[in-house]
Amino acid sequence: MAEVPALWGPFTSLHDVMAQGPLVIERAEGVRVYDGSGREFIDAHGGLWLVNVGYGREEIVEAMFQQARALTWFPSFGGFANPPALKLAEKLRDLFDEDGMATVFFSGSGSEANETALKLVRQYWRIRKPSKFKLIGRRQAYHGVTLGALSVAGIPGNREPFEPLLTQARHIPAPDHMHCPFHADGAPCTAACADELERTILFEGPDTVAAFIMEPVQGAGGVIIPPPDYMARVRAICDRYDVLLISDEVICGFGRLGTWSGARFYGVQPDLMTFAKGLTSGYFPLGATMVRAEMAEAFLEQPVSGPEFRHGNTYSGHPVGAAAALANIAILENEHVLEHVRRLDDPLHEALKVVGDRHPHVVADADSVGLLGRVELCGTPGGPSAVARASEVASAMRADGVIARPAGAVITLSPPLIISEADLLHVVEVMDRAIGTLEP
């Protein structure tokens, strides 16, 4: 019987770890991380889409330390609260008032934030219109690993081992111009992928559909960047049939697109928003689910004693996490990080376009928005698949001192938002060299 490792990592091949061991990262500073031998890497993936203000920010560490000295933790159940959680709730309401958000429910992760959103939707319609219970997600979407979040997500490999999932979830195509089922490659966009939401609602029956959940830009599915008017079209369809719109902002929120939210980038007000990752830049696990005032008011109208929403997480409103989030947001504001992202938008987009033009037989698509980048690779007939090539490129980049993440056939980029233009262009140069090794 094989001896298994003590640490079983998330989305990790135990066989690979047993064969070669993990890559142990011991310290980090700014946009760079260092392994046990002191070797330096630029982290072009921001850990996991999230170290927005960079590593080693003493302001956040100090805020966490001071809060831990005063109050390490106390539950938020039953009407208890703590000063940083209350302050953070007010700050988030101010930040996302423009998006129509009024109140926040804290949790411990993006999965939990999305699970909370789905349960809020279910109970809201149970109060308002019990026939509305079906949920619609998109193919290639990632919304987390809890059962509900996984049910509306659309990455088959993540879903299949845990089926059957919730039977009331439906899925429509992603707005992926590289793999659109509605028009031929290279043909003009018809927006049929957005219209498919309407067709699905009508097929299922508008009186049965509760909510549609979407990432403004789909991250783990391969940085799928929608047409500019896609989200507005979806919002209009949801309005037409009284369907709630959930914007999963776990990746796009807190500056990734150069705005506080991805929904705001696309000019849309959703009904619910979910956050994690960039909320604390990874300094502490924290998730948040925000809703419009009309939703919260429906819960207050229930003729019940006790909790109107019988849901919660042990560490909801964790004081150290809230302190980390407040310090993180202060950095984003005081250092004008969102403006910095907007300045880097064009340089990254142009640099990736050059890579695509230089390797037309290897690169199928190169694109970016804000500091989210994608380079999709081609397969070769009778040779390596596009997925295998993407893995090879990521390995070559790591050997050259840059950490990037392959998502299927796509090399994805989501560096810390504080990255300099010089470092950002160096990342693309390293990718260019790695892709060059695949040229015939």
Protein backbone atom coordinates (compact mmCIF):
# COMPACT_ATOMS: atom_id res chain seq x y z
CA MET A 1 0.00 0.00 0.00
CA ALA A 2 1.44 3.39 -1.05
CA GLU A 3 2.31 5.88 1.66
CA VAL A 4 0.33 9.08 1.07
CA PRO A 5 1.73 12.56 1.81
CA ALA A 6 0.70 14.30 5.02
CA LEU A 7 -0.57 17.34 3.08
CA TRP A 8 -3.34 16.79 0.52
CA GLY A 9 -3.45 20.03 -1.46
CA PRO A 10 -6.48 21.45 -3.30
CA PHE A 11 -6.73 20.61 -7.00
CA THR A 12 -3.40 18.81 -6.65
CA SER A 13 -2.18 15.53 -8.15
CA LEU A 14 -1.09 13.33 -5.27
CA HIS A 15 0.87 11.19 -7.75
CA ASP A 16 2.88 14.22 -8.86
CA VAL A 17 3.54 15.35 -5.30
CA MET A 18 4.64 11.86 -4.31
CA ALA A 19 6.93 11.68 -7.35
CA GLN A 20 8.60 15.07 -7.18
CA GLY A 21 7.39 16.88 -4.06
CA PRO A 22 5.67 20.26 -3.89
CA LEU A 23 7.23 23.59 -4.89
CA VAL A 24 7.58 25.14 -1.46
CA ILE A 25 7.24 28.94 -1.38
CA GLU A 26 8.81 30.36 1.79
CA ARG A 27 8.50 34.12 1.48
CA ALA A 28 7.21 36.86 -0.81
CA GLU A 29 7.54 40.58 -1.38
CA GLY A 30 5.69 42.83 -3.82
CA VAL A 31 5.06 40.75 -6.94
CA ARG A 32 7.81 38.22 -6.26
CA VAL A 33 7.85 34.93 -4.36
CA TYR A 34 10.83 32.84 -3.25
CA ASP A 35 11.22 29.10 -2.86
CA GLY A 36 13.21 27.22 -0.21
CA SER A 37 16.49 27.62 -2.13
CA GLY A 38 15.96 31.36 -2.45
CA ARG A 39 15.02 31.22 -6.13
CA GLU A 40 12.93 34.21 -7.25
CA PHE A 41 9.74 34.10 -9.32
CA ILE A 42 7.44 36.86 -10.55
CA ASP A 43 3.98 35.71 -9.54
CA ALA A 44 2.02 36.51 -12.68
CA HIS A 45 -1.08 34.85 -11.28
CA GLY A 46 -1.39 36.82 -8.05
CA GLY A 47 -1.35 33.61 -6.01
CA LEU A 48 -4.77 32.55 -7.27
CA TRP A 49 -6.21 35.67 -8.94
CA LEU A 50 -6.12 37.60 -5.67
CA VAL A 51 -2.98 39.24 -4.24
CA ASN A 52 -4.16 42.60 -5.54
CA VAL A 53 -1.98 44.85 -3.38
CA GLY A 54 1.04 42.55 -3.50
CA TYR A 55 2.85 40.52 -0.88
CA GLY A 56 4.44 41.73 2.35
CA ARG A 57 2.26 44.77 3.01
CA GLU A 58 3.14 45.74 6.55
CA GLU A 59 0.03 47.92 6.81
CA ILE A 60 -2.21 44.86 6.55
CA VAL A 61 -0.04 42.70 8.79
CA GLU A 62 0.01 45.41 11.46
CA ALA A 63 -3.76 45.92 11.27
CA MET A 64 -4.28 42.18 11.74
CA PHE A 65 -1.80 42.07 14.62
CA GLN A 66 -3.37 44.99 16.48
CA GLN A 67 -6.86 43.54 16.01
CA ALA A 68 -5.74 40.10 17.18
CA ARG A 69 -4.32 41.66 20.35
CA ALA A 70 -7.65 43.35 21.08
CA LEU A 71 -10.03 40.60 19.94
CA THR A 72 -8.85 37.54 18.05
CA TRP A 73 -12.35 36.24 17.37
CA PHE A 74 -15.86 36.15 18.74
CA PRO A 75 -18.93 34.78 16.95
CA SER A 76 -21.32 37.01 15.05
CA PHE A 77 -24.29 34.71 15.66
CA GLY A 78 -27.35 35.89 17.56
CA GLY A 79 -26.85 39.64 17.21
CA PHE A 80 -23.21 39.89 18.30
CA ALA A 81 -20.81 41.99 16.22
CA ASN A 82 -17.34 43.49 16.44
CA PRO A 83 -16.03 46.96 15.49
CA PRO A 84 -14.00 46.04 12.37
CA ALA A 85 -16.83 43.93 10.92
CA LEU A 86 -19.29 46.80 11.43
CA LYS A 87 -16.84 49.28 9.93
CA LEU A 88 -16.17 47.01 6.95
CA ALA A 89 -19.88 46.54 6.31
CA GLU A 90 -20.36 50.32 6.18
CA LYS A 91 -17.32 50.69 3.92
CA LEU A 92 -18.58 48.05 1.50
CA ARG A 93 -22.02 49.66 1.43
CA ASP A 94 -20.36 52.97 0.50
CA LEU A 95 -18.10 51.39 -2.13
CA PHE A 96 -20.87 49.43 -3.81
CA ASP A 97 -23.77 51.83 -3.42
CA GLU A 98 -23.17 52.73 -7.08
CA ASP A 99 -23.82 49.06 -7.87
CA GLY A 100 -27.11 49.14 -5.95
CA MET A 101 -25.90 47.13 -2.95
CA ALA A 102 -27.32 47.82 0.54
CA THR A 103 -26.28 45.13 3.01
CA VAL A 104 -23.58 42.47 3.37
CA PHE A 105 -23.43 38.93 4.77
CA PHE A 106 -19.89 37.78 5.60
CA SER A 107 -18.49 34.28 5.13
CA GLY A 108 -15.08 32.66 4.79
CA SER A 109 -14.48 32.19 1.05
CA GLY A 110 -15.79 32.71 -2.46
CA SER A 111 -17.47 29.31 -2.43
CA GLU A 112 -19.29 30.22 0.77
CA ALA A 113 -20.19 33.66 -0.59
CA ASN A 114 -21.80 32.10 -3.66
CA GLU A 115 -23.51 29.41 -1.60
CA THR A 116 -24.95 32.17 0.57
CA ALA A 117 -26.18 34.02 -2.53
CA LEU A 118 -27.97 30.94 -3.84
CA LYS A 119 -29.67 30.33 -0.50
CA LEU A 120 -30.70 33.98 -0.26
CA VAL A 121 -32.24 33.70 -3.72
CA ARG A 122 -34.09 30.51 -2.84
CA GLN A 123 -35.56 31.95 0.35
CA TYR A 124 -36.35 35.32 -1.23
CA TRP A 125 -38.53 33.68 -3.85
CA ARG A 126 -40.05 31.34 -1.28
CA ILE A 127 -41.28 34.53 0.38
CA ARG A 128 -42.27 36.38 -2.79
CA LYS A 129 -43.16 33.69 -5.35
CA PRO A 130 -42.50 30.05 -4.34
CA SER A 131 -42.76 28.72 -7.90
CA LYS A 132 -39.42 30.41 -8.77
CA PHE A 133 -36.64 28.02 -7.70
CA LYS A 134 -34.56 27.14 -10.77
CA LEU A 135 -31.05 28.48 -11.17
CA ILE A 136 -29.16 29.19 -14.39
CA GLY A 137 -25.38 29.26 -14.71
CA ARG A 138 -22.96 29.12 -17.63
CA ARG A 139 -20.72 26.46 -19.09
CA GLN A 140 -17.03 26.87 -18.20
CA ALA A 141 -17.99 28.90 -15.12
CA TYR A 142 -16.34 28.47 -11.74
CA HIS A 143 -18.35 29.51 -8.70
CA GLY A 144 -16.77 27.36 -6.00
CA VAL A 145 -16.71 23.85 -4.62
CA THR A 146 -19.67 23.69 -2.23
CA LEU A 147 -22.59 21.66 -3.55
CA GLY A 148 -24.81 24.55 -4.60
CA ALA A 149 -21.98 26.61 -6.11
CA LEU A 150 -20.73 23.55 -7.95
CA SER A 151 -24.22 22.88 -9.31
CA VAL A 152 -24.42 26.25 -11.08
CA ALA A 153 -20.76 26.10 -12.17
CA GLY A 154 -19.95 24.66 -15.57
CA ILE A 155 -16.51 23.02 -15.62
CA PRO A 156 -17.27 19.33 -16.26
CA GLY A 157 -14.14 17.94 -14.62
CA ASN A 158 -15.02 19.70 -11.36
CA ARG A 159 -18.64 18.53 -11.41
CA GLU A 160 -18.53 14.92 -12.53
CA PRO A 161 -16.93 13.29 -9.46
CA PHE A 162 -19.66 14.69 -7.20
CA GLU A 163 -22.80 14.10 -9.24
CA PRO A 164 -25.70 14.04 -8.85
CA LEU A 165 -25.74 17.74 -7.99
CA LEU A 166 -28.75 20.03 -7.55
CA THR A 167 -31.23 19.00 -10.21
CA GLN A 168 -32.78 22.45 -10.56
CA ALA A 169 -29.69 24.06 -12.17
CA ARG A 170 -29.53 24.78 -15.91
CA HIS A 171 -26.59 26.00 -18.01
CA ILE A 172 -26.20 28.19 -21.07
CA PRO A 173 -23.10 28.72 -23.27
CA ALA A 174 -20.38 31.12 -22.19
CA PRO A 175 -19.71 34.24 -24.32
CA ASP A 176 -16.57 32.57 -25.69
CA HIS A 177 -15.88 33.93 -29.17
CA MET A 178 -13.24 31.24 -29.73
CA HIS A 179 -15.71 28.39 -29.22
CA CYS A 180 -19.09 29.92 -30.02
CA PRO A 181 -21.78 27.39 -30.98
CA PHE A 182 -23.85 30.08 -32.68
CA HIS A 183 -21.58 31.40 -35.42
CA ALA A 184 -18.61 30.24 -37.46
CA ASP A 185 -15.07 31.07 -36.43
CA GLY A 186 -14.26 34.63 -37.38
CA ALA A 187 -17.86 35.62 -38.10
CA PRO A 188 -19.32 38.73 -36.44
CA CYS A 189 -20.80 38.28 -32.96
CA THR A 190 -24.58 37.83 -33.00
CA ALA A 191 -25.08 38.04 -29.19
CA ALA A 192 -26.90 34.71 -29.47
CA CYS A 193 -25.17 33.46 -26.31
CA ALA A 194 -26.93 36.21 -24.33
CA ASP A 195 -30.21 35.50 -26.12
CA GLU A 196 -29.83 31.86 -25.08
CA LEU A 197 -30.58 33.01 -21.53
CA GLU A 198 -33.97 34.26 -22.71
CA ARG A 199 -34.64 31.07 -24.64
CA THR A 200 -33.78 28.98 -21.58
CA ILE A 201 -36.00 31.07 -19.29
CA LEU A 202 -38.89 30.73 -21.72
CA PHE A 203 -38.33 26.99 -22.12
CA GLU A 204 -38.21 26.41 -18.36
CA GLY A 205 -41.06 28.85 -17.69
CA PRO A 206 -40.35 32.36 -16.37
CA ASP A 207 -42.43 31.65 -13.25
CA THR A 208 -39.98 28.87 -12.30
CA VAL A 209 -36.62 30.65 -12.82
CA ALA A 210 -35.15 32.31 -9.74
CA ALA A 211 -31.72 33.62 -10.73
CA PHE A 212 -28.91 33.74 -13.25
CA ILE A 213 -25.33 33.72 -11.90
CA MET A 214 -22.34 34.95 -13.90
CA GLU A 215 -18.77 36.13 -13.55
CA PRO A 216 -18.32 39.40 -15.48
CA VAL A 217 -15.17 37.80 -16.91
CA GLN A 218 -14.99 34.04 -16.44
CA GLY A 219 -11.67 33.33 -14.74
CA ALA A 220 -10.90 29.66 -14.22
CA GLY A 221 -12.84 28.81 -17.39
CA GLY A 222 -10.05 30.49 -19.37
CA VAL A 223 -10.44 34.28 -18.88
CA ILE A 224 -13.49 34.45 -21.16
CA ILE A 225 -13.99 38.13 -21.97
CA PRO A 226 -17.56 38.90 -23.09
CA PRO A 227 -18.63 41.34 -25.82
CA PRO A 228 -18.94 44.88 -24.37
CA ASP A 229 -22.76 44.87 -24.31
CA TYR A 230 -23.21 41.26 -23.17
CA MET A 231 -23.83 41.94 -19.48
CA ALA A 232 -26.25 44.79 -20.19
CA ARG A 233 -28.19 42.47 -22.51
CA VAL A 234 -28.32 39.83 -19.78
CA ARG A 235 -29.53 42.42 -17.25
CA ALA A 236 -32.36 43.43 -19.58
CA ILE A 237 -33.43 39.81 -20.05
CA CYS A 238 -33.43 39.22 -16.28
CA ASP A 239 -35.55 42.34 -15.80
CA ARG A 240 -38.00 41.21 -18.48
CA TYR A 241 -38.73 37.92 -16.72
CA ASP A 242 -38.25 38.94 -13.08
CA VAL A 243 -35.09 36.85 -12.68
CA LEU A 244 -32.45 37.89 -10.15
CA LEU A 245 -28.93 38.56 -11.47
CA ILE A 246 -26.00 37.42 -9.32
CA SER A 247 -22.64 38.92 -10.24
CA ASP A 248 -19.82 36.68 -9.00
CA GLU A 249 -17.11 39.28 -8.34
CA VAL A 250 -14.71 36.93 -6.57
CA ILE A 251 -12.04 37.52 -9.24
CA CYS A 252 -13.18 40.76 -10.89
CA GLY A 253 -13.93 42.68 -7.68
CA PHE A 254 -11.57 45.11 -5.98
CA GLY A 255 -9.77 46.45 -9.00
CA ARG A 256 -8.94 43.56 -11.32
CA LEU A 257 -10.61 45.34 -14.26
CA GLY A 258 -9.68 48.83 -13.06
CA THR A 259 -13.05 49.33 -11.32
CA TRP A 260 -14.37 48.27 -7.93
CA SER A 261 -16.55 45.64 -9.58
CA GLY A 262 -16.78 43.87 -12.90
CA ALA A 263 -20.49 44.73 -13.09
CA ARG A 264 -19.58 48.43 -12.85
CA PHE A 265 -16.97 47.98 -15.60
CA TYR A 266 -19.77 46.76 -17.87
CA GLY A 267 -22.25 49.39 -16.66
CA VAL A 268 -24.72 47.05 -14.93
CA GLN A 269 -26.37 46.91 -11.50
CA PRO A 270 -26.94 43.30 -10.36
CA ASP A 271 -29.28 42.14 -7.61
CA LEU A 272 -26.60 40.29 -5.64
CA MET A 273 -22.80 40.48 -5.66
CA THR A 274 -20.30 38.02 -4.19
CA PHE A 275 -16.73 38.82 -3.17
CA ALA A 276 -13.64 37.14 -1.71
CA LYS A 277 -10.02 36.96 -2.98
CA GLY A 278 -9.18 40.65 -3.62
CA LEU A 279 -11.31 41.70 -0.64
CA THR A 280 -8.29 40.99 1.59
CA SER A 281 -5.68 40.31 -1.13
CA GLY A 282 -5.32 36.87 0.43
CA TYR A 283 -4.03 38.10 3.79
CA PHE A 284 -7.01 36.47 5.52
CA PRO A 285 -9.84 34.18 4.29
CA LEU A 286 -12.96 36.30 3.91
CA GLY A 287 -16.04 36.19 1.70
CA ALA A 288 -18.95 38.60 1.34
CA THR A 289 -22.40 38.48 -0.23
CA MET A 290 -24.15 41.78 -0.89
CA VAL A 291 -27.78 42.32 -1.85
CA ARG A 292 -30.07 45.14 -2.87
CA ALA A 293 -32.31 46.70 -0.22
CA GLU A 294 -35.46 45.21 -1.77
CA MET A 295 -34.20 41.70 -1.10
CA ALA A 296 -33.36 42.39 2.54
CA GLU A 297 -36.74 44.05 3.04
CA ALA A 298 -38.51 40.87 1.92
CA PHE A 299 -36.82 38.94 4.73
CA LEU A 300 -37.87 41.58 7.26
CA GLU A 301 -41.50 41.22 6.16
CA GLN A 302 -41.63 37.54 7.21
CA PRO A 303 -43.94 36.88 10.21
CA VAL A 304 -41.30 34.86 12.08
CA SER A 305 -39.55 35.02 15.43
CA GLY A 306 -35.83 34.39 15.51
CA PRO A 307 -33.48 34.48 12.51
CA GLU A 308 -35.08 35.50 9.22
CA PHE A 309 -32.23 33.75 7.34
CA ARG A 310 -31.19 30.50 9.02
CA HIS A 311 -27.71 30.36 7.58
CA GLY A 312 -24.25 31.22 8.83
CA ASN A 313 -20.56 30.41 8.95
CA THR A 314 -18.58 30.04 12.16
CA TYR A 315 -16.10 32.72 11.12
CA SER A 316 -18.60 35.12 9.55
CA GLY A 317 -17.48 38.67 10.28
CA HIS A 318 -14.12 37.54 11.68
CA PRO A 319 -12.57 40.64 13.28
CA VAL A 320 -9.01 39.92 12.07
CA GLY A 321 -10.29 39.30 8.55
CA ALA A 322 -12.32 42.50 8.60
CA ALA A 323 -9.27 44.44 9.80
CA ALA A 324 -7.25 42.96 6.93
CA ALA A 325 -9.94 43.94 4.42
CA LEU A 326 -10.11 47.52 5.70
CA ALA A 327 -6.33 47.91 5.46
CA ASN A 328 -6.35 46.34 2.00
CA ILE A 329 -9.07 48.69 0.76
CA ALA A 330 -7.17 51.66 2.19
CA ILE A 331 -4.13 50.69 0.10
CA LEU A 332 -6.24 50.37 -3.04
CA GLU A 333 -7.65 53.85 -2.41
CA ASN A 334 -4.59 55.68 -1.12
CA GLU A 335 -2.21 54.35 -3.76
CA HIS A 336 -4.72 54.85 -6.60
CA VAL A 337 -4.31 51.22 -7.60
CA LEU A 338 -7.44 51.11 -9.78
CA GLU A 339 -6.11 54.01 -11.85
CA HIS A 340 -2.80 52.12 -12.17
CA VAL A 341 -4.66 49.10 -13.54
CA ARG A 342 -6.39 51.28 -16.12
CA ARG A 343 -3.01 52.66 -17.21
CA LEU A 344 -1.66 49.12 -17.72
CA ASP A 345 -4.70 47.93 -19.68
CA ASP A 346 -3.42 49.03 -23.12
CA PRO A 347 0.25 47.98 -22.60
CA LEU A 348 -0.79 44.45 -21.61
CA HIS A 349 -3.33 44.19 -24.43
CA GLU A 350 -0.82 45.37 -27.04
CA ALA A 351 1.97 43.13 -25.76
CA LEU A 352 -0.26 40.05 -25.86
CA LYS A 353 -1.41 40.96 -29.37
CA VAL A 354 2.24 41.02 -30.47
CA VAL A 355 2.72 37.52 -29.03
CA GLY A 356 -0.31 36.27 -30.95
CA ASP A 357 0.85 37.88 -34.19
CA ARG A 358 4.36 36.49 -33.77
CA HIS A 359 3.20 32.89 -33.26
CA PRO A 360 0.14 32.43 -35.49
CA HIS A 361 0.65 28.67 -35.75
CA VAL A 362 0.80 28.22 -31.99
CA VAL A 363 -1.47 30.96 -30.56
CA ALA A 364 -5.17 30.79 -31.33
CA ASP A 365 -6.11 33.90 -29.36
CA ALA A 366 -4.44 36.54 -27.17
CA ASP A 367 -6.52 39.07 -25.30
CA SER A 368 -6.86 40.93 -22.00
CA VAL A 369 -9.02 43.32 -20.01
CA GLY A 370 -7.63 45.24 -17.06
CA LEU A 371 -5.05 42.94 -15.51
CA LEU A 372 -6.69 39.72 -16.67
CA GLY A 373 -4.91 38.17 -19.63
CA ARG A 374 -5.36 35.07 -21.78
CA VAL A 375 -3.29 33.35 -24.44
CA GLU A 376 -5.04 30.33 -25.94
CA LEU A 377 -2.86 27.79 -27.70
CA CYS A 378 -3.53 25.55 -30.70
CA GLY A 379 -3.07 21.82 -30.79
CA THR A 380 -1.25 20.00 -33.58
CA PRO A 381 -2.79 17.22 -35.69
CA GLY A 382 -1.24 13.98 -34.56
CA GLY A 383 0.85 15.86 -32.00
CA PRO A 384 0.45 17.45 -28.56
CA SER A 385 -2.98 18.77 -27.65
CA ALA A 386 -3.56 22.45 -26.91
CA VAL A 387 -3.98 21.57 -23.22
CA ALA A 388 -0.65 19.73 -23.17
CA ARG A 389 1.03 22.67 -24.90
CA ALA A 390 -0.37 25.13 -22.36
CA SER A 391 1.02 23.01 -19.53
CA GLU A 392 4.38 22.90 -21.31
CA VAL A 393 4.44 26.68 -21.71
CA ALA A 394 3.59 27.21 -18.03
CA SER A 395 6.40 24.86 -17.02
CA ALA A 396 8.87 26.67 -19.29
CA MET A 397 7.80 30.03 -17.86
CA ARG A 398 8.35 28.74 -14.33
CA ALA A 399 11.82 27.56 -15.31
CA ASP A 400 12.41 31.12 -16.57
CA GLY A 401 11.30 32.68 -13.28
CA VAL A 402 7.61 33.47 -13.90
CA ILE A 403 4.58 31.69 -12.41
CA ALA A 404 1.53 31.61 -14.68
CA ARG A 405 -1.49 29.31 -14.58
CA PRO A 406 -2.82 27.18 -17.40
CA ALA A 407 -6.60 26.76 -17.56
CA GLY A 408 -7.12 24.07 -20.15
CA ALA A 409 -5.56 25.37 -23.36
CA VAL A 410 -5.28 28.93 -22.02
CA ILE A 411 -2.32 30.50 -20.23
CA THR A 412 -3.96 32.95 -17.81
CA LEU A 413 -2.41 36.06 -16.28
CA SER A 414 -3.67 37.92 -13.20
CA PRO A 415 -0.64 39.54 -11.54
CA PRO A 416 -0.80 41.69 -8.42
CA LEU A 417 -2.40 44.99 -9.37
CA ILE A 418 0.65 46.91 -8.16
CA ILE A 419 2.91 45.32 -10.79
CA SER A 420 5.09 47.79 -12.69
CA GLU A 421 4.81 48.11 -16.44
CA ALA A 422 8.39 46.84 -16.76
CA ASP A 423 7.64 43.68 -14.78
CA LEU A 424 4.38 43.17 -16.66
CA LEU A 425 6.10 43.36 -20.03
CA HIS A 426 8.84 41.04 -18.74
CA VAL A 427 6.16 38.48 -17.92
CA VAL A 428 4.90 38.67 -21.50
CA GLU A 429 8.46 38.40 -22.84
CA VAL A 430 9.00 35.22 -20.82
CA MET A 431 5.71 33.83 -22.17
CA ASP A 432 6.79 34.78 -25.70
CA ARG A 433 10.05 32.86 -25.30
CA ALA A 434 8.26 29.81 -23.89
CA ILE A 435 5.74 29.79 -26.74
CA GLY A 436 8.61 30.16 -29.21
CA THR A 437 9.95 26.76 -28.16
CA LEU A 438 6.76 25.21 -29.57
CA GLU A 439 7.31 26.63 -33.07
CA PRO A 440 8.02 23.94 -35.69
